[in-house]
Amino acid sequence: MKIAIIGTGNVGGALATKWSEAGHEIYLGVQDIANFKGKELLNNSNTRAMSIKDAADKSDVILIATPPEAIFDILEQVGELDGNVVIDATNSIRQSPKPYPTVYHCVADKTKADVVKCFNTTGFENMKNPVYGEMLLDMFMAGDSSKAKEIATKLSSDCGFGKCWDFGTSAQVELLEKFALSWINLAIMQGHGRNIGLKIMQR
């Protein structure tokens, strides 16, 4: 797949690396091609840096991994995104893209993209390595587009996660963000450290 990564910090960088290793073409959408956070990602195979608009235009899938309030500027640059899949990997913890509760809702309202919430419920360390002993951590998603969910499931597997659990429709997107806050609470606020992960067990 051709994937645009908008937001080249910890989460965007980890996913860019894993997807590059899986053979996907990665386009880093950045404001300044000569100077941006995560320039070392260009050492990955199949990875190029370009403007946010060019990255979106060249890609089938667009990952948003920026602060939530940046989404308005991003959408001004990329337009309606007709036919693209957009993965919202953000969390509106301190700030939300008002008047929308989440980036997912903003993108769904302002574009024609197929949108899915995914890759927001754990730390970037687990995206780099979701293997715990003989178990694979799980990933989680929510949204109204079956097409976007199929792609999120495939990309989750390409990162090495186990099952990608479907939380439900757009009505559960905010719940999925609260699920992320639960991981943050355990890992950081309760002091258990960032090398903890979530796995759903069945019997």
C-alpha atoms as a PDB file:
ATOM      1  CA  MET A   1       0.000   0.000   0.000  1.00  0.00           C
ATOM      2  CA  LYS A   2       0.937   3.626  -0.411  1.00  0.00           C
ATOM      3  CA  ILE A   3       0.692   5.250   3.015  1.00  0.00           C
ATOM      4  CA  ALA A   4       1.010   8.913   3.989  1.00  0.00           C
ATOM      5  CA  ILE A   5       2.225   9.523   7.533  1.00  0.00           C
ATOM      6  CA  ILE A   6       1.237  12.963   8.798  1.00  0.00           C
ATOM      7  CA  GLY A   7       2.920  13.415  12.149  1.00  0.00           C
ATOM      8  CA  THR A   8       6.421  11.963  12.332  1.00  0.00           C
ATOM      9  CA  GLY A   9       6.821  11.841  16.110  1.00  0.00           C
ATOM     10  CA  ASN A  10       6.887   8.715  18.257  1.00  0.00           C
ATOM     11  CA  VAL A  11       3.667   7.080  17.030  1.00  0.00           C
ATOM     12  CA  GLY A  12       3.941   8.121  13.385  1.00  0.00           C
ATOM     13  CA  GLY A  13       7.611   7.177  13.355  1.00  0.00           C
ATOM     14  CA  ALA A  14       7.036   3.740  14.862  1.00  0.00           C
ATOM     15  CA  LEU A  15       4.262   2.932  12.391  1.00  0.00           C
ATOM     16  CA  ALA A  16       6.227   4.310   9.448  1.00  0.00           C
ATOM     17  CA  THR A  17       9.097   1.996  10.349  1.00  0.00           C
ATOM     18  CA  LYS A  18       6.949  -1.116  10.835  1.00  0.00           C
ATOM     19  CA  TRP A  19       5.004  -0.547   7.616  1.00  0.00           C
ATOM     20  CA  SER A  20       8.195   0.146   5.702  1.00  0.00           C
ATOM     21  CA  GLU A  21       9.587  -3.163   6.945  1.00  0.00           C
ATOM     22  CA  ALA A  22       6.380  -4.837   5.747  1.00  0.00           C
ATOM     23  CA  GLY A  23       7.007  -3.530   2.235  1.00  0.00           C
ATOM     24  CA  HIS A  24       4.587  -0.597   2.051  1.00  0.00           C
ATOM     25  CA  GLU A  25       5.506   2.672   0.333  1.00  0.00           C
ATOM     26  CA  ILE A  26       5.742   5.412   2.960  1.00  0.00           C
ATOM     27  CA  TYR A  27       5.300   9.106   2.244  1.00  0.00           C
ATOM     28  CA  LEU A  28       6.105  11.383   5.165  1.00  0.00           C
ATOM     29  CA  GLY A  29       3.908  14.459   4.875  1.00  0.00           C
ATOM     30  CA  VAL A  30       5.798  17.336   6.485  1.00  0.00           C
ATOM     31  CA  GLN A  31       5.741  21.125   6.557  1.00  0.00           C
ATOM     32  CA  ASP A  32       9.481  21.528   5.904  1.00  0.00           C
ATOM     33  CA  ILE A  33      11.145  18.772   3.879  1.00  0.00           C
ATOM     34  CA  ALA A  34      14.626  20.029   4.792  1.00  0.00           C
ATOM     35  CA  ASN A  35      14.029  20.088   8.537  1.00  0.00           C
ATOM     36  CA  PHE A  36      11.447  17.939  10.312  1.00  0.00           C
ATOM     37  CA  LYS A  37      11.179  15.712  13.363  1.00  0.00           C
ATOM     38  CA  GLY A  38      11.965  12.132  12.466  1.00  0.00           C
ATOM     39  CA  LYS A  39      14.388  12.732   9.567  1.00  0.00           C
ATOM     40  CA  GLU A  40      16.012   9.428  10.497  1.00  0.00           C
ATOM     41  CA  LEU A  41      12.890   7.728   9.123  1.00  0.00           C
ATOM     42  CA  LEU A  42      14.288   8.421   5.666  1.00  0.00           C
ATOM     43  CA  ASN A  43      16.810   5.657   6.405  1.00  0.00           C
ATOM     44  CA  ASN A  44      13.908   3.198   6.193  1.00  0.00           C
ATOM     45  CA  SER A  45      13.312   1.471   2.879  1.00  0.00           C
ATOM     46  CA  ASN A  46      10.543   2.743   0.599  1.00  0.00           C
ATOM     47  CA  THR A  47      10.318   6.042   2.532  1.00  0.00           C
ATOM     48  CA  ARG A  48      10.281   9.584   1.158  1.00  0.00           C
ATOM     49  CA  ALA A  49       9.505  13.027   2.592  1.00  0.00           C
ATOM     50  CA  MET A  50       7.299  15.524   0.781  1.00  0.00           C
ATOM     51  CA  SER A  51       4.647  18.138   1.403  1.00  0.00           C
ATOM     52  CA  ILE A  52       1.493  17.085   3.237  1.00  0.00           C
ATOM     53  CA  LYS A  53      -0.591  17.624   0.093  1.00  0.00           C
ATOM     54  CA  ASP A  54       1.752  15.594  -2.120  1.00  0.00           C
ATOM     55  CA  ALA A  55       1.872  12.767   0.426  1.00  0.00           C
ATOM     56  CA  ALA A  56      -1.925  12.649   0.584  1.00  0.00           C
ATOM     57  CA  ASP A  57      -2.295  12.833  -3.204  1.00  0.00           C
ATOM     58  CA  LYS A  58       0.071   9.906  -3.722  1.00  0.00           C
ATOM     59  CA  SER A  59      -1.417   7.682  -1.019  1.00  0.00           C
ATOM     60  CA  ASP A  60      -4.329   5.307  -0.618  1.00  0.00           C
ATOM     61  CA  VAL A  61      -4.093   5.488   3.193  1.00  0.00           C
ATOM     62  CA  ILE A  62      -3.376   8.520   5.378  1.00  0.00           C
ATOM     63  CA  LEU A  63      -2.372   8.186   9.020  1.00  0.00           C
ATOM     64  CA  ILE A  64      -3.020  11.222  11.230  1.00  0.00           C
ATOM     65  CA  ALA A  65      -0.649  11.194  14.227  1.00  0.00           C
ATOM     66  CA  THR A  66      -0.520  14.879  15.120  1.00  0.00           C
ATOM     67  CA  PRO A  67      -1.902  16.952  17.984  1.00  0.00           C
ATOM     68  CA  PRO A  68      -5.699  16.980  17.451  1.00  0.00           C
ATOM     69  CA  GLU A  69      -5.988  20.715  16.842  1.00  0.00           C
ATOM     70  CA  ALA A  70      -3.630  20.449  13.840  1.00  0.00           C
ATOM     71  CA  ILE A  71      -6.287  18.639  11.815  1.00  0.00           C
ATOM     72  CA  PHE A  72      -7.861  21.862  10.512  1.00  0.00           C
ATOM     73  CA  ASP A  73      -4.607  23.020   8.901  1.00  0.00           C
ATOM     74  CA  ILE A  74      -4.005  19.530   7.527  1.00  0.00           C
ATOM     75  CA  LEU A  75      -7.440  19.357   5.920  1.00  0.00           C
ATOM     76  CA  GLU A  76      -6.949  22.783   4.335  1.00  0.00           C
ATOM     77  CA  GLN A  77      -3.894  21.381   2.590  1.00  0.00           C
ATOM     78  CA  VAL A  78      -5.274  17.999   1.494  1.00  0.00           C
ATOM     79  CA  GLY A  79      -8.865  18.840   0.514  1.00  0.00           C
ATOM     80  CA  GLU A  80     -11.813  16.432   0.489  1.00  0.00           C
ATOM     81  CA  LEU A  81      -9.790  13.180   0.322  1.00  0.00           C
ATOM     82  CA  ASP A  82     -12.343  11.483  -1.904  1.00  0.00           C
ATOM     83  CA  GLY A  83     -11.556   7.751  -1.969  1.00  0.00           C
ATOM     84  CA  ASN A  84      -8.782   7.819   0.623  1.00  0.00           C
ATOM     85  CA  VAL A  85      -8.757   5.869   3.862  1.00  0.00           C
ATOM     86  CA  VAL A  86      -7.864   8.029   6.869  1.00  0.00           C
ATOM     87  CA  ILE A  87      -6.657   6.432  10.101  1.00  0.00           C
ATOM     88  CA  ASP A  88      -7.070   8.637  13.164  1.00  0.00           C
ATOM     89  CA  ALA A  89      -4.357   7.661  15.646  1.00  0.00           C
ATOM     90  CA  THR A  90      -4.818  10.731  17.855  1.00  0.00           C
ATOM     91  CA  ASN A  91      -6.349  11.203  21.299  1.00  0.00           C
ATOM     92  CA  SER A  92      -8.141  14.350  22.461  1.00  0.00           C
ATOM     93  CA  ILE A  93      -6.742  14.283  25.980  1.00  0.00           C
ATOM     94  CA  ARG A  94      -5.784  17.879  26.695  1.00  0.00           C
ATOM     95  CA  GLN A  95      -7.300  19.500  23.608  1.00  0.00           C
ATOM     96  CA  SER A  96      -9.938  18.522  21.086  1.00  0.00           C
ATOM     97  CA  PRO A  97     -10.524  19.877  17.568  1.00  0.00           C
ATOM     98  CA  LYS A  98     -13.510  21.934  18.685  1.00  0.00           C
ATOM     99  CA  PRO A  99     -16.376  21.877  17.940  1.00  0.00           C
ATOM    100  CA  TYR A 100     -15.659  18.204  17.200  1.00  0.00           C
ATOM    101  CA  PRO A 101     -14.979  15.762  20.040  1.00  0.00           C
ATOM    102  CA  THR A 102     -12.265  13.902  18.112  1.00  0.00           C
ATOM    103  CA  VAL A 103     -10.211  14.077  14.933  1.00  0.00           C
ATOM    104  CA  TYR A 104     -12.267  11.158  13.615  1.00  0.00           C
ATOM    105  CA  HIS A 105     -15.473  13.201  13.771  1.00  0.00           C
ATOM    106  CA  CYS A 106     -13.803  16.208  12.150  1.00  0.00           C
ATOM    107  CA  VAL A 107     -12.423  14.219   9.218  1.00  0.00           C
ATOM    108  CA  ALA A 108     -15.692  12.323   8.740  1.00  0.00           C
ATOM    109  CA  ASP A 109     -17.637  15.583   8.602  1.00  0.00           C
ATOM    110  CA  LYS A 110     -15.283  17.632   6.441  1.00  0.00           C
ATOM    111  CA  THR A 111     -14.090  15.066   3.868  1.00  0.00           C
ATOM    112  CA  LYS A 112     -15.312  12.184   1.719  1.00  0.00           C
ATOM    113  CA  ALA A 113     -12.684   9.835   3.151  1.00  0.00           C
ATOM    114  CA  ASP A 114     -13.309   6.432   4.683  1.00  0.00           C
ATOM    115  CA  VAL A 115     -12.297   7.031   8.297  1.00  0.00           C
ATOM    116  CA  VAL A 116     -11.313   4.651  11.085  1.00  0.00           C
ATOM    117  CA  LYS A 117     -10.021   5.185  14.623  1.00  0.00           C
ATOM    118  CA  CYS A 118      -7.035   2.915  15.279  1.00  0.00           C
ATOM    119  CA  PHE A 119      -3.468   2.839  16.663  1.00  0.00           C
ATOM    120  CA  ASN A 120      -4.374   5.177  19.522  1.00  0.00           C
ATOM    121  CA  THR A 121      -4.739   2.783  22.467  1.00  0.00           C
ATOM    122  CA  THR A 122      -1.137   1.996  23.379  1.00  0.00           C
ATOM    123  CA  GLY A 123       2.317   3.520  23.520  1.00  0.00           C
ATOM    124  CA  PHE A 124       4.724   3.745  20.626  1.00  0.00           C
ATOM    125  CA  GLU A 125       6.983   1.196  22.307  1.00  0.00           C
ATOM    126  CA  ASN A 126       4.285  -1.416  21.778  1.00  0.00           C
ATOM    127  CA  MET A 127       3.912  -0.375  18.167  1.00  0.00           C
ATOM    128  CA  LYS A 128       7.616  -0.981  17.693  1.00  0.00           C
ATOM    129  CA  ASN A 129       7.368  -4.356  19.426  1.00  0.00           C
ATOM    130  CA  PRO A 130       3.955  -5.838  20.299  1.00  0.00           C
ATOM    131  CA  VAL A 131       5.432  -9.228  21.242  1.00  0.00           C
ATOM    132  CA  TYR A 132       5.257 -10.224  24.927  1.00  0.00           C
ATOM    133  CA  GLY A 133       6.797 -13.649  25.362  1.00  0.00           C
ATOM    134  CA  GLU A 134       4.695 -15.969  23.213  1.00  0.00           C
ATOM    135  CA  MET A 135       1.757 -13.542  23.015  1.00  0.00           C
ATOM    136  CA  LEU A 136       0.973 -10.736  20.613  1.00  0.00           C
ATOM    137  CA  LEU A 137      -0.724  -7.620  21.952  1.00  0.00           C
ATOM    138  CA  ASP A 138      -4.099  -6.711  20.465  1.00  0.00           C
ATOM    139  CA  MET A 139      -5.107  -3.566  18.601  1.00  0.00           C
ATOM    140  CA  PHE A 140      -8.518  -1.866  18.554  1.00  0.00           C
ATOM    141  CA  MET A 141     -10.538   0.159  16.043  1.00  0.00           C
ATOM    142  CA  ALA A 142     -13.877   1.926  15.615  1.00  0.00           C
ATOM    143  CA  GLY A 143     -15.746   3.643  12.818  1.00  0.00           C
ATOM    144  CA  ASP A 144     -18.453   3.380  10.192  1.00  0.00           C
ATOM    145  CA  SER A 145     -16.403   2.311   7.156  1.00  0.00           C
ATOM    146  CA  SER A 146     -15.933  -1.413   6.559  1.00  0.00           C
ATOM    147  CA  LYS A 147     -13.299  -0.595   3.926  1.00  0.00           C
ATOM    148  CA  ALA A 148     -11.264   1.450   6.405  1.00  0.00           C
ATOM    149  CA  LYS A 149     -11.580  -1.264   9.039  1.00  0.00           C
ATOM    150  CA  GLU A 150     -10.317  -3.923   6.643  1.00  0.00           C
ATOM    151  CA  ILE A 151      -7.239  -1.829   5.929  1.00  0.00           C
ATOM    152  CA  ALA A 152      -6.666  -1.029   9.602  1.00  0.00           C
ATOM    153  CA  THR A 153      -6.845  -4.746  10.394  1.00  0.00           C
ATOM    154  CA  LYS A 154      -4.271  -5.527   7.688  1.00  0.00           C
ATOM    155  CA  LEU A 155      -1.922  -2.764   8.824  1.00  0.00           C
ATOM    156  CA  SER A 156      -2.295  -3.846  12.447  1.00  0.00           C
ATOM    157  CA  SER A 157      -1.217  -7.342  11.463  1.00  0.00           C
ATOM    158  CA  ASP A 158       1.692  -5.903   9.469  1.00  0.00           C
ATOM    159  CA  CYS A 159       2.889  -4.235  12.692  1.00  0.00           C
ATOM    160  CA  GLY A 160       2.894  -7.612  14.443  1.00  0.00           C
ATOM    161  CA  PHE A 161      -0.235  -7.199  16.556  1.00  0.00           C
ATOM    162  CA  GLY A 162      -2.578 -10.094  17.204  1.00  0.00           C
ATOM    163  CA  LYS A 163      -6.287  -9.503  16.675  1.00  0.00           C
ATOM    164  CA  CYS A 164      -7.599  -6.055  15.803  1.00  0.00           C
ATOM    165  CA  TRP A 165     -10.813  -5.847  17.817  1.00  0.00           C
ATOM    166  CA  ASP A 166     -13.739  -3.905  16.398  1.00  0.00           C
ATOM    167  CA  PHE A 167     -15.139  -1.570  19.080  1.00  0.00           C
ATOM    168  CA  GLY A 168     -18.081  -0.697  16.850  1.00  0.00           C
ATOM    169  CA  THR A 169     -19.299   2.313  14.894  1.00  0.00           C
ATOM    170  CA  SER A 170     -18.505   6.007  15.169  1.00  0.00           C
ATOM    171  CA  ALA A 171     -20.648   6.021  18.313  1.00  0.00           C
ATOM    172  CA  GLN A 172     -17.802   4.134  20.031  1.00  0.00           C
ATOM    173  CA  VAL A 173     -14.930   6.345  18.858  1.00  0.00           C
ATOM    174  CA  GLU A 174     -14.944   8.423  22.033  1.00  0.00           C
ATOM    175  CA  LEU A 175     -15.105   5.214  24.081  1.00  0.00           C
ATOM    176  CA  LEU A 176     -11.997   4.015  22.260  1.00  0.00           C
ATOM    177  CA  GLU A 177     -10.225   7.210  23.305  1.00  0.00           C
ATOM    178  CA  LYS A 178     -11.201   6.490  26.906  1.00  0.00           C
ATOM    179  CA  PHE A 179      -9.716   3.025  26.428  1.00  0.00           C
ATOM    180  CA  ALA A 180      -6.487   4.783  25.493  1.00  0.00           C
ATOM    181  CA  LEU A 181      -6.719   6.839  28.664  1.00  0.00           C
ATOM    182  CA  SER A 182      -6.976   3.589  30.624  1.00  0.00           C
ATOM    183  CA  TRP A 183      -3.610   2.467  29.222  1.00  0.00           C
ATOM    184  CA  ILE A 184      -2.131   5.902  29.966  1.00  0.00           C
ATOM    185  CA  ASN A 185      -3.457   5.724  33.512  1.00  0.00           C
ATOM    186  CA  LEU A 186      -1.894   2.319  34.164  1.00  0.00           C
ATOM    187  CA  ALA A 187       1.379   2.980  32.369  1.00  0.00           C
ATOM    188  CA  ILE A 188       2.090   6.531  33.507  1.00  0.00           C
ATOM    189  CA  MET A 189      -0.234   7.750  36.246  1.00  0.00           C
ATOM    190  CA  GLN A 190      -0.105   4.488  38.218  1.00  0.00           C
ATOM    191  CA  GLY A 191       3.595   4.048  37.471  1.00  0.00           C
ATOM    192  CA  HIS A 192       3.565   0.590  35.883  1.00  0.00           C
ATOM    193  CA  GLY A 193       5.728   1.771  33.003  1.00  0.00           C
ATOM    194  CA  ARG A 194       5.158   2.001  29.292  1.00  0.00           C
ATOM    195  CA  ASN A 195       6.081  -1.621  28.591  1.00  0.00           C
ATOM    196  CA  ILE A 196       2.612  -2.911  29.402  1.00  0.00           C
ATOM    197  CA  GLY A 197      -0.006  -3.864  26.837  1.00  0.00           C
ATOM    198  CA  LEU A 198      -3.577  -4.960  26.297  1.00  0.00           C
ATOM    199  CA  LYS A 199      -4.644  -8.462  25.312  1.00  0.00           C
ATOM    200  CA  ILE A 200      -8.224  -9.767  25.171  1.00  0.00           C
ATOM    201  CA  MET A 201      -8.537 -13.368  26.351  1.00  0.00           C
ATOM    202  CA  GLN A 202     -11.392 -15.698  25.324  1.00  0.00           C
ATOM    203  CA  ARG A 203     -12.530 -19.117  26.456  1.00  0.00           C
END
